[in-house]
């Protein structure tokens, strides 16, 4: 586990440092594909010059931001995508020598930070299982897979920054744009898969905690699995052949394709609904339990940690509009924001899914925290210090009289997962109101 954390940390740090040291691009290179000036843009240039009553030899006038704000939309209307990019490059770079902003630096700051956080959380999760002398569960392996996706996003972000992401689209070589669009495509698949794996991990955890909700939880797992498979397949089939996903932007793609705008909005909306459902499921169960209000609040706060995932998903959604625009009309800052918010969302999901393990890890080294949080009782006397790992409860091995309540999570039915036992210690789940054995 230590080797895994050290290796991941070195890899993330080296990628970040290399991105900072290596100049990602020359200032405004005279790429062959950007000359000569496209004929389709001539009329726009003449019309805009007459509108501003200035000569094209007057660089101060014809290179002003007001002039270009009128000229460029006209070029987008009159020219093809590639001709539009050529005209903009010749005008803004070769002629006006406009400064090219570096909006991509935030990508190689936030995404590697997410990689470091995800690595730390995974390390704590594995360390908790090691300290408890319990074997890793399916949930743990799903989180590992999600962690690999975050690490891949770190590598993608560094490579995209090196090849010009964050600059004006007309200022980078065409082959770099094809390459970056391909990386965005693989990152999208990783995003859809990562959020689905973390959701399933949380639901598998619920199965151990709330065995009286087997049907509901398995239904949720089925829906999330279908969600992931459906949208990944839809993304793969959005262009036939699939290479059109990263080449169709140039306007030369002749294969079959669909508009993916609606698909992404539906995927984002369903994702929000599923996250909300995953948060409400356990809280709905807690309201039926006979326990003090403070204990219900403590349990609810753990489950409500998932609201952060909902917030990140909601913030990410408005950027979908700009990412689906024609590439010569894209707002670079919105596309970059979409990229790093996607990574933040997957990282937040990993963090939320690992909160019980993180708490248990802290209590292992600071047992007095349990006593202080609960107002007494002490950690040393809780079942956390002496757990006999047995087969987790299912509807077949839980007595009917026990099955009706959540007291199946007591010491009589010790669980395989350390995270589950930790949750039991947090809320001390008791019998529902009015239930008598």
Protein backbone atom coordinates (compact mmCIF):
# COMPACT_ATOMS: atom_id res chain seq x y z
CA UNK A 1 0.00 0.00 0.00
CA UNK A 2 2.88 2.37 0.86
CA UNK A 3 4.55 1.56 -2.45
CA UNK A 4 1.28 2.31 -4.28
CA UNK A 5 0.91 5.69 -2.58
CA UNK A 6 4.58 6.62 -3.13
CA UNK A 7 4.48 5.59 -6.80
CA UNK A 8 1.26 7.52 -7.46
CA UNK A 9 2.57 10.58 -5.63
CA UNK A 10 5.83 10.60 -7.59
CA UNK A 11 3.98 10.14 -10.88
CA UNK A 12 1.51 12.95 -10.18
CA UNK A 13 4.24 15.30 -8.95
CA UNK A 14 6.54 14.59 -11.90
CA UNK A 15 3.75 15.21 -14.40
CA UNK A 16 2.91 18.51 -12.72
CA UNK A 17 6.55 19.66 -12.57
CA UNK A 18 7.18 18.73 -16.20
CA UNK A 19 4.11 20.68 -17.24
CA UNK A 20 5.39 23.73 -15.35
CA UNK A 21 8.96 23.55 -16.70
CA UNK A 22 8.35 22.66 -20.32
CA UNK A 23 7.01 25.51 -22.49
CA UNK A 24 3.79 24.07 -23.91
CA UNK A 25 3.95 26.05 -27.14
CA UNK A 26 5.85 28.75 -29.06
CA UNK A 27 4.35 32.26 -29.03
CA UNK A 28 2.62 32.33 -32.44
CA UNK A 29 4.22 29.90 -34.90
CA UNK A 30 3.64 30.39 -38.64
CA UNK A 31 2.01 27.02 -39.30
CA UNK A 32 1.79 26.21 -43.03
CA UNK A 33 -1.92 25.42 -42.81
CA UNK A 34 -2.62 29.00 -41.75
CA UNK A 35 -1.59 30.67 -44.98
CA UNK A 36 -2.58 32.27 -47.21
CA UNK A 37 -5.45 34.38 -45.91
CA UNK A 38 -8.75 32.65 -46.89
CA UNK A 39 -10.70 34.38 -49.62
CA UNK A 40 -13.97 33.84 -47.73
CA UNK A 41 -12.78 36.24 -45.03
CA UNK A 42 -11.93 39.09 -47.41
CA UNK A 43 -15.46 40.47 -47.58
CA UNK A 44 -15.77 40.37 -43.79
CA UNK A 45 -12.50 42.26 -43.42
CA UNK A 46 -13.48 44.96 -45.92
CA UNK A 47 -17.00 45.31 -44.48
CA UNK A 48 -15.75 45.58 -40.91
CA UNK A 49 -13.09 48.14 -41.91
CA UNK A 50 -15.70 50.33 -43.58
CA UNK A 51 -17.99 49.98 -40.58
CA UNK A 52 -15.24 51.28 -38.27
CA UNK A 53 -14.05 53.78 -40.90
CA UNK A 54 -10.45 52.69 -40.62
CA UNK A 55 -7.78 51.52 -43.03
CA UNK A 56 -6.46 47.99 -42.86
CA UNK A 57 -2.97 49.46 -42.68
CA UNK A 58 -3.99 51.17 -39.46
CA UNK A 59 -3.01 48.42 -37.04
CA UNK A 60 -4.24 50.36 -34.02
CA UNK A 61 -7.77 50.43 -35.42
CA UNK A 62 -7.97 47.11 -37.28
CA UNK A 63 -6.42 45.18 -34.39
CA UNK A 64 -8.53 46.67 -31.63
CA UNK A 65 -10.69 44.31 -29.60
CA UNK A 66 -13.84 46.10 -30.82
CA UNK A 67 -12.83 45.56 -34.46
CA UNK A 68 -12.03 41.87 -33.95
CA UNK A 69 -15.24 41.30 -31.97
CA UNK A 70 -17.16 42.24 -35.11
CA UNK A 71 -14.79 40.64 -37.63
CA UNK A 72 -14.52 37.16 -36.11
CA UNK A 73 -18.28 36.38 -35.92
CA UNK A 74 -18.57 37.40 -39.57
CA UNK A 75 -15.70 35.06 -40.48
CA UNK A 76 -17.39 32.21 -38.57
CA UNK A 77 -20.51 32.76 -40.67
CA UNK A 78 -18.84 33.04 -44.06
CA UNK A 79 -16.05 30.46 -43.79
CA UNK A 80 -15.64 26.77 -43.09
CA UNK A 81 -14.22 25.74 -39.73
CA UNK A 82 -10.65 25.34 -40.99
CA UNK A 83 -10.76 28.55 -43.04
CA UNK A 84 -12.20 30.36 -40.04
CA UNK A 85 -9.32 29.19 -37.85
CA UNK A 86 -6.80 30.15 -40.53
CA UNK A 87 -8.22 33.65 -40.91
CA UNK A 88 -8.27 34.19 -37.16
CA UNK A 89 -4.70 32.96 -36.78
CA UNK A 90 -3.41 35.23 -39.54
CA UNK A 91 -5.32 38.20 -38.14
CA UNK A 92 -4.77 37.79 -34.41
CA UNK A 93 -1.30 36.24 -34.38
CA UNK A 94 0.63 36.96 -37.58
CA UNK A 95 -0.79 40.44 -38.18
CA UNK A 96 -1.91 41.87 -34.84
CA UNK A 97 0.43 39.89 -32.58
CA UNK A 98 -2.22 39.63 -29.91
CA UNK A 99 -1.18 38.00 -26.63
CA UNK A 100 -2.39 34.42 -26.35
CA UNK A 101 -3.85 33.70 -22.89
CA UNK A 102 -2.73 30.66 -20.95
CA UNK A 103 -6.05 29.48 -19.51
CA UNK A 104 -4.90 25.87 -19.29
CA UNK A 105 -2.68 26.29 -16.23
CA UNK A 106 -5.65 25.83 -13.90
CA UNK A 107 -6.13 22.39 -15.46
CA UNK A 108 -2.66 21.22 -14.37
CA UNK A 109 -3.18 22.64 -10.89
CA UNK A 110 -6.63 21.34 -9.95
CA UNK A 111 -6.54 17.93 -11.65
CA UNK A 112 -3.20 16.82 -10.09
CA UNK A 113 -4.54 18.04 -6.74
CA UNK A 114 -7.53 15.77 -7.24
CA UNK A 115 -5.16 12.93 -8.06
CA UNK A 116 -3.26 13.52 -4.83
CA UNK A 117 -6.47 13.65 -2.77
CA UNK A 118 -7.84 10.49 -4.38
CA UNK A 119 -4.52 8.70 -3.73
CA UNK A 120 -4.55 9.77 -0.08
CA UNK A 121 -8.16 8.65 0.40
CA UNK A 122 -7.49 5.28 -1.23
CA UNK A 123 -4.41 4.84 0.93
CA UNK A 124 -6.44 5.53 4.08
CA UNK A 125 -9.12 3.10 2.93
CA UNK A 126 -6.61 0.29 2.36
CA UNK A 127 -4.74 1.12 5.57
CA UNK A 128 -7.99 0.90 7.52
CA UNK A 129 -8.63 -2.60 6.21
CA UNK A 130 -5.04 -3.55 7.06
CA UNK A 131 -5.27 -2.16 10.60
CA UNK A 132 -8.56 -3.95 11.16
CA UNK A 133 -7.10 -7.15 9.72
CA UNK A 134 -10.04 -7.48 7.37
CA UNK A 135 -9.88 -8.39 3.71
CA UNK A 136 -10.68 -5.92 0.97
CA UNK A 137 -14.27 -5.93 -0.25
CA UNK A 138 -15.82 -5.42 -3.67
CA UNK A 139 -16.46 -1.81 -2.69
CA UNK A 140 -12.74 -1.29 -2.14
CA UNK A 141 -11.86 -2.65 -5.57
CA UNK A 142 -14.47 -0.41 -7.22
CA UNK A 143 -12.92 2.60 -5.51
CA UNK A 144 -9.49 1.46 -6.76
CA UNK A 145 -10.85 1.43 -10.31
CA UNK A 146 -12.25 4.95 -9.83
CA UNK A 147 -8.87 6.05 -8.49
CA UNK A 148 -7.18 4.77 -11.65
CA UNK A 149 -9.59 6.91 -13.67
CA UNK A 150 -8.62 10.01 -11.68
CA UNK A 151 -4.93 9.23 -12.22
CA UNK A 152 -5.56 8.86 -15.96
CA UNK A 153 -7.23 12.30 -15.92
CA UNK A 154 -4.05 13.70 -14.35
CA UNK A 155 -1.98 12.31 -17.21
CA UNK A 156 -4.50 13.55 -19.79
CA UNK A 157 -4.57 17.07 -18.35
CA UNK A 158 -0.78 17.40 -18.40
CA UNK A 159 -0.55 16.16 -21.99
CA UNK A 160 -3.36 18.45 -23.14
CA UNK A 161 -1.70 21.43 -21.50
CA UNK A 162 1.59 20.63 -23.23
CA UNK A 163 -0.19 20.49 -26.60
CA UNK A 164 -1.93 23.82 -26.26
CA UNK A 165 -5.19 23.43 -24.33
CA UNK A 166 -5.94 26.81 -22.80
CA UNK A 167 -4.83 28.80 -25.81
CA UNK A 168 -7.00 30.20 -28.53
CA UNK A 169 -8.01 27.27 -30.70
CA UNK A 170 -6.65 28.91 -33.86
CA UNK A 171 -3.19 29.31 -32.30
CA UNK A 172 -2.27 25.63 -31.99
CA UNK A 173 -1.37 23.10 -34.71
CA UNK A 174 -4.27 21.12 -36.15
CA UNK A 175 -2.73 17.78 -35.15
CA UNK A 176 -2.66 18.97 -31.53
CA UNK A 177 -6.36 19.74 -31.67
CA UNK A 178 -7.15 16.26 -33.02
CA UNK A 179 -5.02 14.77 -30.24
CA UNK A 180 -6.70 16.83 -27.51
CA UNK A 181 -10.18 15.96 -28.77
CA UNK A 182 -9.25 12.28 -28.57
CA UNK A 183 -8.07 12.69 -24.98
CA UNK A 184 -11.31 14.50 -24.12
CA UNK A 185 -13.21 11.55 -25.55
CA UNK A 186 -11.39 9.01 -23.37
CA UNK A 187 -11.74 11.33 -20.37
CA UNK A 188 -15.52 11.44 -20.96
CA UNK A 189 -15.70 7.64 -20.90
CA UNK A 190 -13.64 7.64 -17.72
CA UNK A 191 -15.92 10.22 -16.13
CA UNK A 192 -19.09 8.23 -16.85
CA UNK A 193 -17.50 5.04 -15.58
CA UNK A 194 -15.92 6.63 -12.50
CA UNK A 195 -19.09 8.20 -11.13
CA UNK A 196 -20.98 4.95 -11.74
CA UNK A 197 -18.40 2.79 -9.94
CA UNK A 198 -18.41 5.02 -6.87
CA UNK A 199 -22.22 4.98 -6.75
CA UNK A 200 -22.27 1.19 -6.91
CA UNK A 201 -19.60 1.05 -4.19
CA UNK A 202 -21.79 3.15 -1.89
CA UNK A 203 -24.84 1.00 -2.63
CA UNK A 204 -22.91 -2.20 -1.87
CA UNK A 205 -21.99 -0.61 1.44
CA UNK A 206 -25.69 0.09 2.06
CA UNK A 207 -26.45 -3.58 1.39
CA UNK A 208 -24.36 -4.50 4.41
CA UNK A 209 -25.89 -1.80 6.58
CA UNK A 210 -29.54 -2.00 5.52
CA UNK A 211 -30.28 -5.63 4.58
CA UNK A 212 -34.01 -4.93 4.79
CA UNK A 213 -33.65 -2.82 1.60
CA UNK A 214 -32.17 -5.53 -0.62
CA UNK A 215 -34.69 -5.18 -3.44
CA UNK A 216 -34.48 -1.39 -3.55
CA UNK A 217 -30.70 -1.32 -3.42
CA UNK A 218 -30.26 -4.00 -6.09
CA UNK A 219 -32.71 -2.07 -8.26
CA UNK A 220 -30.57 1.05 -7.83
CA UNK A 221 -27.43 -0.90 -8.71
CA UNK A 222 -29.14 -2.20 -11.84
CA UNK A 223 -30.24 1.29 -12.88
CA UNK A 224 -26.75 2.73 -12.37
CA UNK A 225 -25.16 -0.13 -14.32
CA UNK A 226 -27.58 0.47 -17.19
CA UNK A 227 -26.87 4.20 -16.95
CA UNK A 228 -23.15 3.66 -17.38
CA UNK A 229 -23.39 1.10 -20.17
CA UNK A 230 -26.06 3.06 -22.07
CA UNK A 231 -24.26 6.39 -22.14
CA UNK A 232 -20.83 4.90 -22.86
CA UNK A 233 -22.33 2.99 -25.80
CA UNK A 234 -24.17 6.13 -26.92
CA UNK A 235 -20.91 8.08 -26.82
CA UNK A 236 -19.08 5.39 -28.79
CA UNK A 237 -21.89 5.25 -31.36
CA UNK A 238 -22.31 9.03 -31.64
CA UNK A 239 -19.99 8.94 -34.66
CA UNK A 240 -19.56 6.05 -37.09
CA UNK A 241 -16.70 5.39 -37.50
CA UNK A 242 -15.81 6.30 -33.92
CA UNK A 243 -12.78 8.32 -35.03
CA UNK A 244 -15.26 10.99 -36.00
CA UNK A 245 -15.57 11.87 -32.32
CA UNK A 246 -12.19 13.61 -32.47
CA UNK A 247 -12.03 14.48 -36.20
CA UNK A 248 -15.54 15.70 -37.06
CA UNK A 249 -14.85 19.16 -35.66
CA UNK A 250 -12.97 20.14 -38.84
CA UNK A 251 -16.13 19.85 -40.95
CA UNK A 252 -14.70 17.17 -43.23
CA UNK A 253 -16.25 14.14 -41.55
CA UNK A 254 -18.50 12.22 -43.96
CA UNK A 255 -19.67 9.39 -41.72
CA UNK A 256 -22.85 9.14 -39.67
CA UNK A 257 -23.15 11.12 -36.47
CA UNK A 258 -25.68 12.47 -34.03
CA UNK A 259 -25.85 15.62 -31.95
CA UNK A 260 -24.66 14.64 -28.47
CA UNK A 261 -25.91 17.80 -26.74
CA UNK A 262 -29.15 16.19 -25.57
CA UNK A 263 -27.33 13.03 -24.50
CA UNK A 264 -25.02 14.93 -22.16
CA UNK A 265 -27.86 16.93 -20.62
CA UNK A 266 -29.89 13.77 -20.03
CA UNK A 267 -26.83 12.04 -18.54
CA UNK A 268 -26.15 14.99 -16.22
CA UNK A 269 -29.79 15.21 -15.12
CA UNK A 270 -30.03 11.48 -14.39
CA UNK A 271 -26.73 11.66 -12.53
CA UNK A 272 -28.13 14.35 -10.24
CA UNK A 273 -31.30 12.32 -9.64
CA UNK A 274 -29.32 9.18 -8.80
CA UNK A 275 -27.06 11.07 -6.40
CA UNK A 276 -30.09 12.53 -4.65
CA UNK A 277 -31.67 9.08 -4.36
CA UNK A 278 -28.49 7.58 -2.88
CA UNK A 279 -28.45 10.31 -0.23
CA UNK A 280 -32.13 10.01 0.68
CA UNK A 281 -32.24 6.20 0.92
CA UNK A 282 -30.37 5.84 4.24
CA UNK A 283 -31.85 9.01 5.73
CA UNK A 284 -35.32 7.64 5.07
CA UNK A 285 -34.38 4.53 7.03
CA UNK A 286 -32.96 6.50 9.95
CA UNK A 287 -36.21 8.36 10.55
CA UNK A 288 -37.88 5.09 11.62
CA UNK A 289 -35.28 4.20 14.23
CA UNK A 290 -35.70 4.65 17.96
CA UNK A 291 -32.60 6.61 18.83
CA UNK A 292 -31.75 10.02 20.18
CA UNK A 293 -31.98 13.03 17.92
CA UNK A 294 -28.24 13.68 18.22
CA UNK A 295 -27.42 10.18 16.98
CA UNK A 296 -29.74 10.61 14.02
CA UNK A 297 -28.02 13.89 13.22
CA UNK A 298 -24.58 12.25 13.38
CA UNK A 299 -25.67 9.49 11.02
CA UNK A 300 -27.40 11.93 8.67
CA UNK A 301 -24.33 14.14 8.43
CA UNK A 302 -22.29 11.20 7.19
CA UNK A 303 -24.80 10.42 4.44
CA UNK A 304 -25.34 14.10 3.61
CA UNK A 305 -21.67 14.35 2.70
CA UNK A 306 -22.88 13.24 -0.72
CA UNK A 307 -24.45 16.65 -1.26
CA UNK A 308 -20.98 17.91 -2.18
CA UNK A 309 -21.03 15.54 -5.15
CA UNK A 310 -24.42 16.95 -6.18
CA UNK A 311 -23.07 20.49 -5.94
CA UNK A 312 -20.06 19.71 -8.14
CA UNK A 313 -22.30 17.96 -10.66
CA UNK A 314 -24.65 20.96 -10.77
CA UNK A 315 -21.76 23.40 -11.26
CA UNK A 316 -20.40 21.23 -14.06
CA UNK A 317 -23.67 21.18 -16.01
CA UNK A 318 -23.71 24.78 -17.42
CA UNK A 319 -20.34 24.17 -19.10
CA UNK A 320 -21.89 21.45 -21.26
CA UNK A 321 -23.40 24.12 -23.48
CA UNK A 322 -20.05 25.57 -24.54
CA UNK A 323 -18.31 22.21 -24.90
CA UNK A 324 -20.81 21.09 -27.54
CA UNK A 325 -20.49 24.25 -29.65
CA UNK A 326 -18.59 24.20 -32.97
CA UNK A 327 -14.89 24.20 -32.18
CA UNK A 328 -14.28 27.62 -33.74
CA UNK A 329 -16.97 29.07 -31.44
CA UNK A 330 -15.98 27.28 -28.24
CA UNK A 331 -15.24 29.23 -25.10
CA UNK A 332 -11.92 27.75 -24.05
CA UNK A 333 -12.41 28.58 -20.37
CA UNK A 334 -15.73 26.69 -20.27
CA UNK A 335 -14.28 23.60 -21.91
CA UNK A 336 -11.38 23.58 -19.46
CA UNK A 337 -13.79 24.08 -16.55
CA UNK A 338 -15.81 21.11 -17.76
CA UNK A 339 -12.66 18.99 -17.74
CA UNK A 340 -11.51 19.78 -14.23
CA UNK A 341 -15.01 19.82 -12.71
CA UNK A 342 -15.49 16.29 -14.06
CA UNK A 343 -12.35 15.18 -12.24
CA UNK A 344 -13.42 17.01 -9.09
CA UNK A 345 -16.76 15.18 -9.17
CA UNK A 346 -15.15 11.73 -9.45
CA UNK A 347 -12.70 12.62 -6.66
CA UNK A 348 -15.52 13.89 -4.45
CA UNK A 349 -17.41 10.65 -5.06
CA UNK A 350 -14.36 8.64 -3.95
CA UNK A 351 -14.07 10.79 -0.83
CA UNK A 352 -17.76 10.42 0.08
CA UNK A 353 -17.70 6.66 -0.49
CA UNK A 354 -14.67 6.38 1.81
CA UNK A 355 -15.91 8.57 4.67
CA UNK A 356 -16.68 5.63 7.02
CA UNK A 357 -13.18 4.25 6.49
CA UNK A 358 -11.64 7.67 7.02
CA UNK A 359 -13.51 8.07 10.30
CA UNK A 360 -12.46 4.63 11.49
CA UNK A 361 -8.85 5.40 10.54
CA UNK A 362 -8.94 8.56 12.65
CA UNK A 363 -10.58 6.79 15.61
CA UNK A 364 -7.97 4.04 15.48
CA UNK A 365 -5.26 6.56 16.33
CA UNK A 366 -7.41 8.97 18.35
CA UNK A 367 -9.90 6.77 20.25
CA UNK A 368 -10.84 9.59 22.62
CA UNK A 369 -12.54 11.36 19.70
CA UNK A 370 -15.36 8.80 19.88
CA UNK A 371 -15.97 9.53 23.54
CA UNK A 372 -15.89 13.28 23.00
CA UNK A 373 -18.22 13.10 19.99
CA UNK A 374 -20.76 10.87 21.73
CA UNK A 375 -20.58 12.62 25.08
CA UNK A 376 -19.01 9.69 26.92
CA UNK A 377 -18.84 5.95 26.77
CA UNK A 378 -15.31 5.74 25.42
CA UNK A 379 -14.04 4.01 22.35
CA UNK A 380 -12.24 1.21 24.11
CA UNK A 381 -15.45 -0.40 25.26
CA UNK A 382 -17.07 -0.38 21.84
CA UNK A 383 -17.14 -3.42 19.60
CA UNK A 384 -14.57 -1.77 17.34
CA UNK A 385 -11.79 -3.17 19.54
CA UNK A 386 -12.90 -6.78 19.28
CA UNK A 387 -14.62 -7.80 16.08
CA UNK A 388 -15.04 -11.41 14.97
CA UNK A 389 -15.47 -11.25 11.21
CA UNK A 390 -18.28 -13.42 10.00
CA UNK A 391 -20.42 -13.77 6.95
CA UNK A 392 -22.28 -10.50 6.25
CA UNK A 393 -26.04 -10.59 6.82
CA UNK A 394 -28.39 -11.51 4.01
CA UNK A 395 -32.10 -12.16 3.95
CA UNK A 396 -31.38 -15.89 4.07
CA UNK A 397 -29.20 -15.93 7.19
CA UNK A 398 -31.02 -13.30 9.27
CA UNK A 399 -33.83 -14.61 11.51
CA UNK A 400 -37.24 -13.30 10.56
CA UNK A 401 -37.71 -11.60 13.92
CA UNK A 402 -34.44 -9.74 13.42
CA UNK A 403 -35.05 -8.99 9.77
CA UNK A 404 -37.78 -6.49 10.53
CA UNK A 405 -35.41 -4.12 12.31
CA UNK A 406 -31.94 -2.77 11.83
CA UNK A 407 -30.61 -4.30 15.04
CA UNK A 408 -29.18 -7.02 12.81
CA UNK A 409 -26.12 -4.81 12.68
CA UNK A 410 -25.26 -5.42 16.32
CA UNK A 411 -22.54 -7.65 17.64
CA UNK A 412 -24.64 -10.78 17.08
CA UNK A 413 -24.17 -10.32 13.36
CA UNK A 414 -20.69 -8.89 12.98
CA UNK A 415 -19.94 -7.74 9.48
CA UNK A 416 -17.20 -8.37 7.01
CA UNK A 417 -16.57 -4.72 6.22
CA UNK A 418 -14.75 -2.54 8.69
CA UNK A 419 -16.57 0.48 7.27
CA UNK A 420 -19.91 -1.13 8.05
CA UNK A 421 -18.97 -1.91 11.64
CA UNK A 422 -17.75 1.64 11.99
CA UNK A 423 -21.13 2.96 10.88
CA UNK A 424 -22.79 0.74 13.47
CA UNK A 425 -20.58 2.24 16.17
CA UNK A 426 -21.39 5.76 15.01
CA UNK A 427 -25.17 5.55 15.23
CA UNK A 428 -25.71 2.50 17.48
CA UNK A 429 -28.62 1.37 15.36
CA UNK A 430 -31.55 0.19 17.44
CA UNK A 431 -34.96 -1.32 16.84
CA UNK A 432 -37.66 0.67 15.08
CA UNK A 433 -40.30 2.31 17.19
CA UNK A 434 -42.99 -0.09 18.36
CA UNK A 435 -41.05 -3.25 17.46
CA UNK A 436 -40.82 -6.03 20.03
CA UNK A 437 -39.04 -9.34 19.61
